[in-house]
């Protein structure tokens, strides 16, 4: 006899959110495939048949909730170009943010070789 563990509210919520995300992604992907030619907007590779699954929808403003019906926030990118675009965006975000505490830390005041002249004079 098997006993089922009760599912926690958090896991139910996670499952519902994942299902909603899949549904939303599926709907805007279908729209984008109808609006745009099946070509990667970066490298120009063409896709059809089974390989169509390698063509992804990229949100130009990186906001996955911004899905206008005219597709103006989307572009079709192959898996490789899409990954590259997100890596570039992440790098840009990291480099453009001022590092926490970057300007507020005191400078080092210790001078390792300050007394080297005196030491050398003693050696002679």
N, C-alpha and C. Protein backbone atom coordinates (compact mmCIF):
# COMPACT_ATOMS: atom_id res chain seq x y z
N UNK A 1 0.84 -1.18 0.00
CA UNK A 1 0.00 0.00 0.00
C UNK A 1 0.89 1.24 0.00
N UNK A 2 0.65 2.11 -0.94
CA UNK A 2 1.46 3.32 -1.01
C UNK A 2 0.70 4.48 -0.38
N UNK A 3 1.44 5.30 0.28
CA UNK A 3 0.83 6.49 0.86
C UNK A 3 1.41 7.70 0.16
N UNK A 4 0.56 8.59 -0.21
CA UNK A 4 1.00 9.80 -0.88
C UNK A 4 1.23 10.89 0.14
N UNK A 5 2.36 11.56 -0.02
CA UNK A 5 2.62 12.68 0.86
C UNK A 5 1.80 13.87 0.38
N UNK A 6 1.27 14.62 1.30
CA UNK A 6 0.54 15.82 0.87
C UNK A 6 1.51 16.82 0.25
N UNK A 7 1.06 17.44 -0.83
CA UNK A 7 1.93 18.42 -1.49
C UNK A 7 1.85 19.74 -0.74
N UNK A 8 2.98 20.37 -0.63
CA UNK A 8 3.02 21.64 0.09
C UNK A 8 2.44 22.73 -0.81
N UNK A 9 1.93 23.79 -0.21
CA UNK A 9 1.41 24.90 -1.01
C UNK A 9 2.48 25.51 -1.91
N UNK A 10 3.72 25.50 -1.43
CA UNK A 10 4.81 26.08 -2.24
C UNK A 10 5.03 25.26 -3.51
N UNK A 11 5.00 23.93 -3.40
CA UNK A 11 5.22 23.10 -4.59
C UNK A 11 4.05 23.23 -5.56
N UNK A 12 2.83 23.38 -5.04
CA UNK A 12 1.68 23.60 -5.91
C UNK A 12 1.82 24.92 -6.66
N UNK A 13 2.26 25.94 -5.94
CA UNK A 13 2.44 27.25 -6.55
C UNK A 13 3.54 27.19 -7.60
N UNK A 14 4.64 26.51 -7.29
CA UNK A 14 5.73 26.36 -8.26
C UNK A 14 5.24 25.67 -9.53
N UNK A 15 4.45 24.63 -9.37
CA UNK A 15 3.93 23.89 -10.51
C UNK A 15 2.97 24.76 -11.33
N UNK A 16 2.11 25.51 -10.65
CA UNK A 16 1.18 26.39 -11.36
C UNK A 16 1.92 27.48 -12.13
N UNK A 17 2.94 28.06 -11.50
CA UNK A 17 3.72 29.10 -12.17
C UNK A 17 4.47 28.53 -13.37
N UNK A 18 5.03 27.35 -13.23
CA UNK A 18 5.75 26.71 -14.34
C UNK A 18 4.79 26.42 -15.49
N UNK A 19 3.59 25.93 -15.17
CA UNK A 19 2.60 25.65 -16.21
C UNK A 19 2.19 26.94 -16.94
N UNK A 20 1.98 27.99 -16.18
CA UNK A 20 1.59 29.27 -16.77
C UNK A 20 2.71 29.82 -17.65
N UNK A 21 3.94 29.69 -17.19
CA UNK A 21 5.09 30.16 -17.96
C UNK A 21 5.19 29.40 -19.29
N UNK A 22 4.98 28.09 -19.25
CA UNK A 22 5.02 27.27 -20.47
C UNK A 22 3.91 27.68 -21.43
N UNK A 23 2.71 27.89 -20.89
CA UNK A 23 1.57 28.28 -21.73
C UNK A 23 1.83 29.62 -22.41
N UNK A 24 2.32 30.57 -21.62
CA UNK A 24 2.59 31.91 -22.15
C UNK A 24 3.70 31.85 -23.20
N UNK A 25 4.77 31.12 -22.90
CA UNK A 25 5.88 30.99 -23.83
C UNK A 25 5.42 30.33 -25.13
N UNK A 26 4.60 29.31 -24.99
CA UNK A 26 4.10 28.59 -26.18
C UNK A 26 3.28 29.53 -27.05
N UNK A 27 2.45 30.37 -26.42
CA UNK A 27 1.59 31.24 -27.23
C UNK A 27 2.39 32.31 -27.96
N UNK A 28 3.37 32.95 -27.31
CA UNK A 28 4.11 33.98 -28.02
C UNK A 28 5.10 33.37 -29.00
N UNK A 29 5.55 32.16 -28.75
CA UNK A 29 6.41 31.49 -29.73
C UNK A 29 5.63 31.21 -31.01
N UNK A 30 4.41 30.71 -30.86
CA UNK A 30 3.57 30.45 -32.04
C UNK A 30 3.32 31.74 -32.82
N UNK A 31 3.06 32.83 -32.10
CA UNK A 31 2.82 34.11 -32.77
C UNK A 31 4.08 34.56 -33.52
N UNK A 32 5.23 34.46 -32.87
CA UNK A 32 6.48 34.90 -33.49
C UNK A 32 6.80 34.08 -34.74
N UNK A 33 6.53 32.78 -34.68
CA UNK A 33 6.80 31.93 -35.84
C UNK A 33 5.87 32.25 -37.01
N UNK A 34 4.69 32.78 -36.70
CA UNK A 34 3.78 33.20 -37.77
C UNK A 34 4.19 34.56 -38.35
N UNK A 35 4.74 35.42 -37.50
CA UNK A 35 5.09 36.78 -37.94
C UNK A 35 6.41 36.87 -38.69
N UNK A 36 7.38 36.09 -38.27
CA UNK A 36 8.74 36.25 -38.79
C UNK A 36 9.18 35.05 -39.63
N UNK A 37 10.09 35.29 -40.57
CA UNK A 37 10.65 34.15 -41.32
C UNK A 37 11.48 33.28 -40.38
N UNK A 38 11.59 32.02 -40.67
CA UNK A 38 12.29 31.07 -39.80
C UNK A 38 13.79 31.13 -40.02
N UNK A 39 14.34 32.30 -39.74
CA UNK A 39 15.75 32.58 -39.93
C UNK A 39 16.27 33.26 -38.68
N UNK A 40 17.46 32.90 -38.24
CA UNK A 40 18.07 33.55 -37.08
C UNK A 40 18.40 34.99 -37.47
N UNK A 41 17.95 35.92 -36.65
CA UNK A 41 18.16 37.34 -36.94
C UNK A 41 19.61 37.76 -36.80
N UNK A 42 20.45 36.95 -36.19
CA UNK A 42 21.87 37.30 -36.03
C UNK A 42 22.75 36.62 -37.06
N UNK A 43 22.71 35.30 -37.12
CA UNK A 43 23.65 34.58 -37.99
C UNK A 43 23.05 34.24 -39.35
N UNK A 44 21.74 34.37 -39.51
CA UNK A 44 21.11 34.15 -40.81
C UNK A 44 20.82 32.70 -41.16
N UNK A 45 21.05 31.76 -40.23
CA UNK A 45 20.74 30.35 -40.53
C UNK A 45 19.24 30.17 -40.69
N UNK A 46 18.86 29.33 -41.63
CA UNK A 46 17.45 29.03 -41.86
C UNK A 46 17.07 27.75 -41.12
N UNK A 47 15.83 27.67 -40.66
CA UNK A 47 15.36 26.52 -39.89
C UNK A 47 14.04 26.01 -40.45
N UNK A 48 13.87 24.69 -40.41
CA UNK A 48 12.61 24.06 -40.82
C UNK A 48 12.57 22.66 -40.22
N UNK A 49 11.40 22.06 -40.28
CA UNK A 49 11.23 20.69 -39.79
C UNK A 49 11.59 20.53 -38.33
N UNK A 50 12.29 19.45 -38.00
CA UNK A 50 12.67 19.17 -36.61
C UNK A 50 13.61 20.24 -36.04
N UNK A 51 14.40 20.83 -36.91
CA UNK A 51 15.38 21.82 -36.45
C UNK A 51 14.73 23.15 -36.07
N UNK A 52 13.44 23.31 -36.34
CA UNK A 52 12.73 24.53 -35.98
C UNK A 52 12.75 24.74 -34.46
N UNK A 53 12.86 23.65 -33.72
CA UNK A 53 12.92 23.77 -32.26
C UNK A 53 14.19 24.48 -31.79
N UNK A 54 15.21 24.60 -32.65
CA UNK A 54 16.45 25.29 -32.31
C UNK A 54 16.33 26.80 -32.48
N UNK A 55 15.20 27.26 -32.99
CA UNK A 55 14.96 28.69 -33.17
C UNK A 55 14.14 29.19 -31.98
N UNK A 56 14.67 30.17 -31.27
CA UNK A 56 14.03 30.65 -30.05
C UNK A 56 13.54 32.08 -30.22
N UNK A 57 12.63 32.48 -29.34
CA UNK A 57 12.13 33.85 -29.34
C UNK A 57 12.93 34.64 -28.31
N UNK A 58 13.56 35.70 -28.77
CA UNK A 58 14.34 36.56 -27.88
C UNK A 58 13.57 37.85 -27.65
N UNK A 59 13.47 38.27 -26.40
CA UNK A 59 12.84 39.55 -26.06
C UNK A 59 13.90 40.63 -26.12
N UNK A 60 13.72 41.56 -27.00
CA UNK A 60 14.74 42.60 -27.22
C UNK A 60 15.02 43.42 -25.97
N UNK A 61 13.98 43.68 -25.17
CA UNK A 61 14.20 44.47 -23.95
C UNK A 61 14.46 43.57 -22.73
N UNK A 62 14.59 42.28 -22.95
CA UNK A 62 14.87 41.28 -21.91
C UNK A 62 13.76 41.18 -20.87
N UNK A 63 12.57 41.67 -21.20
CA UNK A 63 11.41 41.57 -20.32
C UNK A 63 10.46 40.54 -20.91
N UNK A 64 10.39 39.38 -20.30
CA UNK A 64 9.58 38.28 -20.83
C UNK A 64 8.09 38.51 -20.65
N UNK A 65 7.72 39.53 -19.91
CA UNK A 65 6.31 39.87 -19.77
C UNK A 65 5.85 40.87 -20.82
N UNK A 66 6.78 41.45 -21.56
CA UNK A 66 6.45 42.42 -22.61
C UNK A 66 6.27 41.67 -23.93
N UNK A 67 5.03 41.30 -24.21
CA UNK A 67 4.71 40.51 -25.40
C UNK A 67 3.63 41.20 -26.23
N UNK A 68 3.98 42.29 -26.92
CA UNK A 68 2.97 42.98 -27.72
C UNK A 68 2.50 42.09 -28.88
N UNK A 69 1.23 42.18 -29.23
CA UNK A 69 0.68 41.31 -30.28
C UNK A 69 1.34 41.51 -31.65
N UNK A 70 1.96 42.68 -31.88
CA UNK A 70 2.61 42.90 -33.17
C UNK A 70 4.03 42.33 -33.21
N UNK A 71 4.51 41.79 -32.09
CA UNK A 71 5.82 41.15 -32.05
C UNK A 71 6.98 42.10 -32.07
N UNK A 72 6.75 43.37 -31.78
CA UNK A 72 7.81 44.37 -31.88
C UNK A 72 8.92 44.19 -30.83
N UNK A 73 8.69 43.39 -29.81
CA UNK A 73 9.72 43.15 -28.79
C UNK A 73 10.44 41.81 -29.01
N UNK A 74 10.13 41.13 -30.08
CA UNK A 74 10.69 39.80 -30.31
C UNK A 74 11.62 39.78 -31.51
N UNK A 75 12.53 38.82 -31.48
CA UNK A 75 13.27 38.45 -32.66
C UNK A 75 13.59 36.97 -32.53
N UNK A 76 13.65 36.28 -33.65
CA UNK A 76 13.96 34.86 -33.64
C UNK A 76 15.47 34.69 -33.71
N UNK A 77 16.02 33.95 -32.74
CA UNK A 77 17.45 33.68 -32.70
C UNK A 77 17.66 32.19 -32.54
N UNK A 78 18.73 31.67 -33.15
CA UNK A 78 19.06 30.27 -32.92
C UNK A 78 19.56 30.11 -31.49
N UNK A 79 19.63 28.89 -31.02
CA UNK A 79 20.06 28.63 -29.64
C UNK A 79 21.40 29.29 -29.32
N UNK A 80 22.34 29.21 -30.25
CA UNK A 80 23.68 29.73 -30.01
C UNK A 80 23.68 31.25 -29.92
N UNK A 81 23.03 31.90 -30.86
CA UNK A 81 22.98 33.36 -30.85
C UNK A 81 22.18 33.88 -29.65
N UNK A 82 21.13 33.15 -29.27
CA UNK A 82 20.32 33.55 -28.12
C UNK A 82 21.15 33.47 -26.85
N UNK A 83 21.90 32.39 -26.69
CA UNK A 83 22.76 32.23 -25.53
C UNK A 83 23.82 33.33 -25.51
N UNK A 84 24.39 33.62 -26.67
CA UNK A 84 25.40 34.68 -26.76
C UNK A 84 24.82 36.04 -26.39
N UNK A 85 23.62 36.32 -26.86
CA UNK A 85 22.96 37.60 -26.56
C UNK A 85 22.74 37.75 -25.06
N UNK A 86 22.28 36.70 -24.40
CA UNK A 86 22.05 36.78 -22.96
C UNK A 86 23.36 36.88 -22.19
N UNK A 87 24.41 36.24 -22.66
CA UNK A 87 25.72 36.36 -22.02
C UNK A 87 26.23 37.79 -22.13
N UNK A 88 26.08 38.38 -23.31
CA UNK A 88 26.50 39.76 -23.51
C UNK A 88 25.71 40.71 -22.61
N UNK A 89 24.41 40.46 -22.48
CA UNK A 89 23.56 41.31 -21.65
C UNK A 89 23.97 41.19 -20.18
N UNK A 90 24.24 39.96 -19.74
CA UNK A 90 24.66 39.75 -18.35
C UNK A 90 25.99 40.43 -18.09
N UNK A 91 26.93 40.30 -19.02
CA UNK A 91 28.22 40.96 -18.87
C UNK A 91 28.06 42.48 -18.80
N UNK A 92 27.21 43.01 -19.66
CA UNK A 92 26.97 44.45 -19.69
C UNK A 92 26.39 44.92 -18.36
N UNK A 93 25.44 44.17 -17.83
CA UNK A 93 24.84 44.53 -16.55
C UNK A 93 25.88 44.52 -15.44
N UNK A 94 26.72 43.51 -15.44
CA UNK A 94 27.72 43.37 -14.39
C UNK A 94 28.73 44.51 -14.46
N UNK A 95 29.17 44.84 -15.67
CA UNK A 95 30.19 45.87 -15.81
C UNK A 95 29.63 47.28 -15.63
N UNK A 96 28.37 47.49 -15.90
CA UNK A 96 27.81 48.83 -15.79
C UNK A 96 27.41 49.18 -14.36
N UNK A 97 27.16 48.17 -13.54
CA UNK A 97 26.81 48.44 -12.15
C UNK A 97 28.06 48.80 -11.38
N UNK A 98 27.94 49.82 -10.54
CA UNK A 98 29.08 50.15 -9.70
C UNK A 98 29.17 49.06 -8.64
N UNK A 99 30.34 48.53 -8.47
CA UNK A 99 30.53 47.46 -7.50
C UNK A 99 30.26 48.00 -6.10
N UNK A 100 29.56 47.21 -5.29
CA UNK A 100 29.19 47.63 -3.95
C UNK A 100 30.45 47.99 -3.16
N UNK A 101 30.47 49.20 -2.63
CA UNK A 101 31.59 49.64 -1.80
C UNK A 101 32.85 49.94 -2.57
N UNK A 102 32.78 50.05 -3.89
CA UNK A 102 33.99 50.24 -4.69
C UNK A 102 34.69 51.55 -4.36
N UNK A 103 33.97 52.62 -4.18
CA UNK A 103 34.60 53.90 -3.92
C UNK A 103 34.71 54.25 -2.45
N UNK A 104 34.12 53.45 -1.59
CA UNK A 104 34.07 53.82 -0.17
C UNK A 104 35.16 53.18 0.67
N UNK A 105 35.91 52.24 0.14
CA UNK A 105 36.94 51.60 0.94
C UNK A 105 38.16 52.49 1.03
N UNK A 106 38.79 52.52 2.22
CA UNK A 106 39.99 53.35 2.36
C UNK A 106 41.14 52.77 1.55
N UNK A 107 42.00 53.64 1.09
CA UNK A 107 43.18 53.20 0.35
C UNK A 107 44.19 52.61 1.31
N UNK A 108 45.02 51.76 0.78
CA UNK A 108 46.10 51.20 1.59
C UNK A 108 47.12 52.30 1.86
N UNK A 109 47.55 52.41 3.12
CA UNK A 109 48.52 53.45 3.47
C UNK A 109 49.88 52.87 3.81
N UNK A 110 49.96 51.57 3.92
CA UNK A 110 51.24 50.94 4.25
C UNK A 110 52.14 50.95 3.03
N UNK A 111 53.39 51.37 3.24
CA UNK A 111 54.36 51.42 2.15
C UNK A 111 55.47 50.43 2.49
N UNK A 112 55.45 49.33 1.80
CA UNK A 112 56.36 48.23 2.12
C UNK A 112 57.83 48.60 2.02
N UNK A 113 58.20 49.47 1.09
CA UNK A 113 59.61 49.78 0.86
C UNK A 113 59.99 51.18 1.34
N UNK A 114 59.21 51.75 2.21
CA UNK A 114 59.46 53.11 2.66
C UNK A 114 60.81 53.24 3.36
N UNK A 115 61.19 52.28 4.17
CA UNK A 115 62.43 52.37 4.95
C UNK A 115 63.58 51.61 4.31
N UNK A 116 63.45 51.22 3.06
CA UNK A 116 64.51 50.41 2.44
C UNK A 116 65.82 51.19 2.30
N UNK A 117 65.71 52.48 2.07
CA UNK A 117 66.92 53.31 1.97
C UNK A 117 67.73 53.27 3.26
N UNK A 118 67.03 53.39 4.40
CA UNK A 118 67.72 53.33 5.69
C UNK A 118 68.37 51.96 5.89
N UNK A 119 67.66 50.91 5.50
CA UNK A 119 68.22 49.55 5.67
C UNK A 119 69.46 49.35 4.80
N UNK A 120 69.44 49.87 3.61
CA UNK A 120 70.58 49.73 2.72
C UNK A 120 71.78 50.53 3.24
N UNK A 121 71.54 51.68 3.80
CA UNK A 121 72.64 52.48 4.35
C UNK A 121 73.31 51.75 5.51
N UNK A 122 72.53 51.08 6.34
CA UNK A 122 73.09 50.33 7.47
C UNK A 122 73.95 49.18 7.01
N UNK A 123 73.56 48.56 5.88
CA UNK A 123 74.30 47.41 5.36
C UNK A 123 75.68 47.82 4.87
N UNK A 124 75.89 49.00 4.45
CA UNK A 124 77.17 49.41 3.86
C UNK A 124 78.20 49.68 4.87
